[in-house]
């Protein structure tokens, strides 16, 4: 049974933004989240745990990107989240240099 044509988006850029946000943006947010947590807690434990939890988080972020109506808004949300997580990671390393 073919898809209803009113739900298909013929334009290239909205589809491209969703696909890249899902793949690249979700991966960046997933990795930065685990790096930010590792900068505040025991980094060995977080890195070992992240082998599975990063994959699960990345899959969830990919689903969120494809459920959104606008791919560019998802890119903005992912970039803003990445900046916040990078700041948290920076301050975690600055305040806890021993970990």
C-alpha atoms as a PDB file:
ATOM      1  CA  UNK A   1       0.000   0.000   0.000  1.00  0.00           C
ATOM      2  CA  UNK A   2       1.674   3.265  -1.074  1.00  0.00           C
ATOM      3  CA  UNK A   3       2.030   6.215   1.256  1.00  0.00           C
ATOM      4  CA  UNK A   4      -0.477   9.028   1.068  1.00  0.00           C
ATOM      5  CA  UNK A   5       1.096  11.800  -0.991  1.00  0.00           C
ATOM      6  CA  UNK A   6      -0.087  14.559   1.345  1.00  0.00           C
ATOM      7  CA  UNK A   7       2.267  13.213   4.041  1.00  0.00           C
ATOM      8  CA  UNK A   8       5.307  13.098   1.778  1.00  0.00           C
ATOM      9  CA  UNK A   9       7.567  16.112   1.566  1.00  0.00           C
ATOM     10  CA  UNK A  10       8.967  16.526  -1.965  1.00  0.00           C
ATOM     11  CA  UNK A  11      11.455  19.220  -0.962  1.00  0.00           C
ATOM     12  CA  UNK A  12      15.099  18.240  -0.459  1.00  0.00           C
ATOM     13  CA  UNK A  13      16.148  20.607   2.345  1.00  0.00           C
ATOM     14  CA  UNK A  14      13.605  19.655   5.034  1.00  0.00           C
ATOM     15  CA  UNK A  15      14.392  15.990   4.479  1.00  0.00           C
ATOM     16  CA  UNK A  16      18.145  16.683   4.478  1.00  0.00           C
ATOM     17  CA  UNK A  17      17.929  18.694   7.710  1.00  0.00           C
ATOM     18  CA  UNK A  18      16.023  15.938   9.494  1.00  0.00           C
ATOM     19  CA  UNK A  19      18.404  13.220   8.347  1.00  0.00           C
ATOM     20  CA  UNK A  20      21.531  15.168   9.298  1.00  0.00           C
ATOM     21  CA  UNK A  21      20.020  16.283  12.602  1.00  0.00           C
ATOM     22  CA  UNK A  22      19.151  12.685  13.395  1.00  0.00           C
ATOM     23  CA  UNK A  23      22.540  11.253  12.483  1.00  0.00           C
ATOM     24  CA  UNK A  24      25.051  13.980  13.281  1.00  0.00           C
ATOM     25  CA  UNK A  25      23.184  16.111  15.801  1.00  0.00           C
ATOM     26  CA  UNK A  26      21.964  13.140  17.808  1.00  0.00           C
ATOM     27  CA  UNK A  27      25.462  11.652  17.891  1.00  0.00           C
ATOM     28  CA  UNK A  28      27.056  14.929  18.986  1.00  0.00           C
ATOM     29  CA  UNK A  29      24.526  15.449  21.777  1.00  0.00           C
ATOM     30  CA  UNK A  30      24.877  11.843  22.915  1.00  0.00           C
ATOM     31  CA  UNK A  31      28.670  11.991  23.088  1.00  0.00           C
ATOM     32  CA  UNK A  32      28.757  15.406  24.744  1.00  0.00           C
ATOM     33  CA  UNK A  33      26.226  14.275  27.333  1.00  0.00           C
ATOM     34  CA  UNK A  34      28.437  11.387  28.359  1.00  0.00           C
ATOM     35  CA  UNK A  35      31.557  13.531  28.339  1.00  0.00           C
ATOM     36  CA  UNK A  36      29.834  16.111  30.542  1.00  0.00           C
ATOM     37  CA  UNK A  37      28.782  13.428  33.005  1.00  0.00           C
ATOM     38  CA  UNK A  38      32.291  11.935  32.914  1.00  0.00           C
ATOM     39  CA  UNK A  39      33.823  15.305  33.783  1.00  0.00           C
ATOM     40  CA  UNK A  40      31.854  15.428  37.042  1.00  0.00           C
ATOM     41  CA  UNK A  41      31.867  11.767  38.078  1.00  0.00           C
ATOM     42  CA  UNK A  42      34.239   8.814  37.813  1.00  0.00           C
ATOM     43  CA  UNK A  43      35.167   8.917  34.143  1.00  0.00           C
ATOM     44  CA  UNK A  44      36.110   5.242  33.853  1.00  0.00           C
ATOM     45  CA  UNK A  45      32.698   4.082  35.038  1.00  0.00           C
ATOM     46  CA  UNK A  46      30.873   6.565  32.824  1.00  0.00           C
ATOM     47  CA  UNK A  47      32.864   5.582  29.735  1.00  0.00           C
ATOM     48  CA  UNK A  48      32.241   1.880  30.334  1.00  0.00           C
ATOM     49  CA  UNK A  49      28.528   2.541  30.851  1.00  0.00           C
ATOM     50  CA  UNK A  50      28.357   4.819  27.824  1.00  0.00           C
ATOM     51  CA  UNK A  51      29.026   1.967  25.411  1.00  0.00           C
ATOM     52  CA  UNK A  52      25.377   1.005  25.700  1.00  0.00           C
ATOM     53  CA  UNK A  53      23.698   4.119  27.037  1.00  0.00           C
ATOM     54  CA  UNK A  54      25.157   6.351  24.303  1.00  0.00           C
ATOM     55  CA  UNK A  55      23.714   4.083  21.637  1.00  0.00           C
ATOM     56  CA  UNK A  56      20.298   4.119  23.319  1.00  0.00           C
ATOM     57  CA  UNK A  57      20.379   7.910  23.735  1.00  0.00           C
ATOM     58  CA  UNK A  58      21.435   8.346  20.100  1.00  0.00           C
ATOM     59  CA  UNK A  59      18.535   6.169  18.935  1.00  0.00           C
ATOM     60  CA  UNK A  60      16.088   8.199  21.037  1.00  0.00           C
ATOM     61  CA  UNK A  61      17.465  11.467  19.652  1.00  0.00           C
ATOM     62  CA  UNK A  62      17.139  10.124  16.103  1.00  0.00           C
ATOM     63  CA  UNK A  63      13.491   9.282  16.724  1.00  0.00           C
ATOM     64  CA  UNK A  64      12.898  12.768  18.144  1.00  0.00           C
ATOM     65  CA  UNK A  65      14.487  14.346  15.062  1.00  0.00           C
ATOM     66  CA  UNK A  66      12.237  12.422  12.694  1.00  0.00           C
ATOM     67  CA  UNK A  67       9.105  13.139  14.732  1.00  0.00           C
ATOM     68  CA  UNK A  68       9.678  16.897  14.590  1.00  0.00           C
ATOM     69  CA  UNK A  69       7.917  18.984  11.980  1.00  0.00           C
ATOM     70  CA  UNK A  70      10.900  21.203  11.214  1.00  0.00           C
ATOM     71  CA  UNK A  71      14.424  19.805  10.911  1.00  0.00           C
ATOM     72  CA  UNK A  72      16.090  23.188  11.317  1.00  0.00           C
ATOM     73  CA  UNK A  73      14.433  23.697  14.714  1.00  0.00           C
ATOM     74  CA  UNK A  74      15.768  20.319  15.802  1.00  0.00           C
ATOM     75  CA  UNK A  75      19.221  21.363  14.608  1.00  0.00           C
ATOM     76  CA  UNK A  76      18.902  24.519  16.702  1.00  0.00           C
ATOM     77  CA  UNK A  77      17.822  22.556  19.754  1.00  0.00           C
ATOM     78  CA  UNK A  78      20.653  20.055  19.296  1.00  0.00           C
ATOM     79  CA  UNK A  79      23.237  22.813  18.825  1.00  0.00           C
ATOM     80  CA  UNK A  80      21.999  24.712  21.884  1.00  0.00           C
ATOM     81  CA  UNK A  81      22.063  21.509  23.920  1.00  0.00           C
ATOM     82  CA  UNK A  82      25.573  20.779  22.654  1.00  0.00           C
ATOM     83  CA  UNK A  83      26.802  24.209  23.712  1.00  0.00           C
ATOM     84  CA  UNK A  84      25.279  23.822  27.179  1.00  0.00           C
ATOM     85  CA  UNK A  85      26.795  20.362  27.580  1.00  0.00           C
ATOM     86  CA  UNK A  86      30.186  21.646  26.406  1.00  0.00           C
ATOM     87  CA  UNK A  87      30.047  24.407  29.035  1.00  0.00           C
ATOM     88  CA  UNK A  88      29.134  21.860  31.709  1.00  0.00           C
ATOM     89  CA  UNK A  89      32.028  19.670  30.562  1.00  0.00           C
ATOM     90  CA  UNK A  90      34.438  22.628  30.616  1.00  0.00           C
ATOM     91  CA  UNK A  91      33.483  23.615  34.161  1.00  0.00           C
ATOM     92  CA  UNK A  92      33.576  19.996  35.275  1.00  0.00           C
ATOM     93  CA  UNK A  93      37.167  19.694  34.093  1.00  0.00           C
ATOM     94  CA  UNK A  94      38.095  23.086  35.547  1.00  0.00           C
ATOM     95  CA  UNK A  95      36.602  22.390  38.969  1.00  0.00           C
ATOM     96  CA  UNK A  96      37.523  18.688  39.199  1.00  0.00           C
ATOM     97  CA  UNK A  97      40.962  18.362  37.614  1.00  0.00           C
ATOM     98  CA  UNK A  98      41.771  15.172  39.530  1.00  0.00           C
ATOM     99  CA  UNK A  99      38.913  13.124  38.047  1.00  0.00           C
END
